[in-house]
């Protein structure tokens, strides 16, 4: 049980990082388009 919770807690930062990168990439791309 504890190991499942630990693996879940280890999994959360991965989801957060991937979500953050997915959110930031369109903003960066939009910034590149507006700079053109």
N, C-alpha and C. Protein backbone atom coordinates (compact mmCIF):
# COMPACT_ATOMS: atom_id res chain seq x y z
N UNK A 1 0.84 -1.21 0.00
CA UNK A 1 0.00 0.00 0.00
C UNK A 1 0.88 1.25 0.00
N UNK A 2 1.84 1.29 0.89
CA UNK A 2 2.71 2.47 0.97
C UNK A 2 3.50 2.65 -0.32
N UNK A 3 3.92 1.54 -0.93
CA UNK A 3 4.70 1.64 -2.16
C UNK A 3 3.83 2.18 -3.29
N UNK A 4 2.56 1.84 -3.30
CA UNK A 4 1.66 2.36 -4.33
C UNK A 4 1.48 3.86 -4.18
N UNK A 5 1.35 4.31 -2.93
CA UNK A 5 1.23 5.74 -2.67
C UNK A 5 2.51 6.46 -3.09
N UNK A 6 3.66 5.86 -2.78
CA UNK A 6 4.94 6.47 -3.12
C UNK A 6 5.09 6.58 -4.63
N UNK A 7 4.71 5.52 -5.34
CA UNK A 7 4.83 5.56 -6.80
C UNK A 7 3.88 6.60 -7.38
N UNK A 8 2.72 6.75 -6.77
CA UNK A 8 1.78 7.77 -7.22
C UNK A 8 2.34 9.16 -6.99
N UNK A 9 2.96 9.37 -5.81
CA UNK A 9 3.57 10.67 -5.52
C UNK A 9 4.74 10.94 -6.46
N UNK A 10 5.45 9.89 -6.85
CA UNK A 10 6.55 10.07 -7.80
C UNK A 10 6.01 10.40 -9.19
N UNK A 11 4.78 9.96 -9.47
CA UNK A 11 4.19 10.15 -10.79
C UNK A 11 3.63 11.55 -10.97
N UNK A 12 3.21 12.19 -9.89
CA UNK A 12 2.60 13.52 -9.96
C UNK A 12 3.52 14.57 -10.59
N UNK A 13 4.80 14.70 -10.18
CA UNK A 13 5.66 15.71 -10.81
C UNK A 13 5.82 15.48 -12.31
N UNK A 14 5.81 14.22 -12.74
CA UNK A 14 5.94 13.93 -14.16
C UNK A 14 4.74 14.48 -14.93
N UNK A 15 3.56 14.27 -14.37
CA UNK A 15 2.34 14.79 -15.01
C UNK A 15 2.37 16.31 -15.01
N UNK A 16 2.79 16.89 -13.89
CA UNK A 16 2.81 18.35 -13.79
C UNK A 16 3.81 18.94 -14.78
N UNK A 17 4.98 18.31 -14.89
CA UNK A 17 6.01 18.83 -15.81
C UNK A 17 5.54 18.71 -17.26
N UNK A 18 4.94 17.58 -17.60
CA UNK A 18 4.48 17.40 -18.97
C UNK A 18 3.35 18.37 -19.28
N UNK A 19 2.46 18.60 -18.31
CA UNK A 19 1.38 19.56 -18.50
C UNK A 19 1.94 20.97 -18.66
N UNK A 20 2.92 21.31 -17.84
CA UNK A 20 3.52 22.64 -17.91
C UNK A 20 4.21 22.85 -19.26
N UNK A 21 4.89 21.83 -19.76
CA UNK A 21 5.57 21.97 -21.05
C UNK A 21 4.54 22.08 -22.17
N UNK A 22 3.44 21.34 -22.07
CA UNK A 22 2.39 21.43 -23.09
C UNK A 22 1.74 22.80 -23.08
N UNK A 23 1.62 23.40 -21.90
CA UNK A 23 1.00 24.71 -21.80
C UNK A 23 1.97 25.80 -22.29
N UNK A 24 3.24 25.66 -21.96
CA UNK A 24 4.19 26.73 -22.27
C UNK A 24 4.58 26.73 -23.75
N UNK A 25 4.56 25.56 -24.40
CA UNK A 25 4.97 25.52 -25.80
C UNK A 25 4.05 26.33 -26.72
N UNK A 26 2.73 26.19 -26.61
CA UNK A 26 1.87 27.02 -27.46
C UNK A 26 2.06 28.50 -27.20
N UNK A 27 2.30 28.89 -25.96
CA UNK A 27 2.53 30.31 -25.66
C UNK A 27 3.81 30.78 -26.34
N UNK A 28 4.85 29.94 -26.31
CA UNK A 28 6.11 30.31 -26.96
C UNK A 28 5.91 30.40 -28.46
N UNK A 29 5.17 29.46 -29.02
CA UNK A 29 4.91 29.47 -30.45
C UNK A 29 4.09 30.69 -30.83
N UNK A 30 3.12 31.03 -30.01
CA UNK A 30 2.30 32.21 -30.27
C UNK A 30 3.15 33.47 -30.21
N UNK A 31 4.09 33.50 -29.28
CA UNK A 31 4.98 34.65 -29.15
C UNK A 31 5.85 34.77 -30.40
N UNK A 32 6.31 33.62 -30.94
CA UNK A 32 7.12 33.65 -32.16
C UNK A 32 6.30 34.18 -33.33
N UNK A 33 5.03 33.78 -33.39
CA UNK A 33 4.17 34.22 -34.50
C UNK A 33 3.93 35.73 -34.41
N UNK A 34 3.67 36.22 -33.20
CA UNK A 34 3.39 37.65 -33.06
C UNK A 34 4.65 38.47 -33.29
N UNK A 35 5.83 37.89 -33.00
CA UNK A 35 7.07 38.61 -33.26
C UNK A 35 7.34 38.72 -34.77
N UNK A 36 6.80 37.78 -35.54
CA UNK A 36 6.95 37.86 -36.99
C UNK A 36 6.12 39.03 -37.51
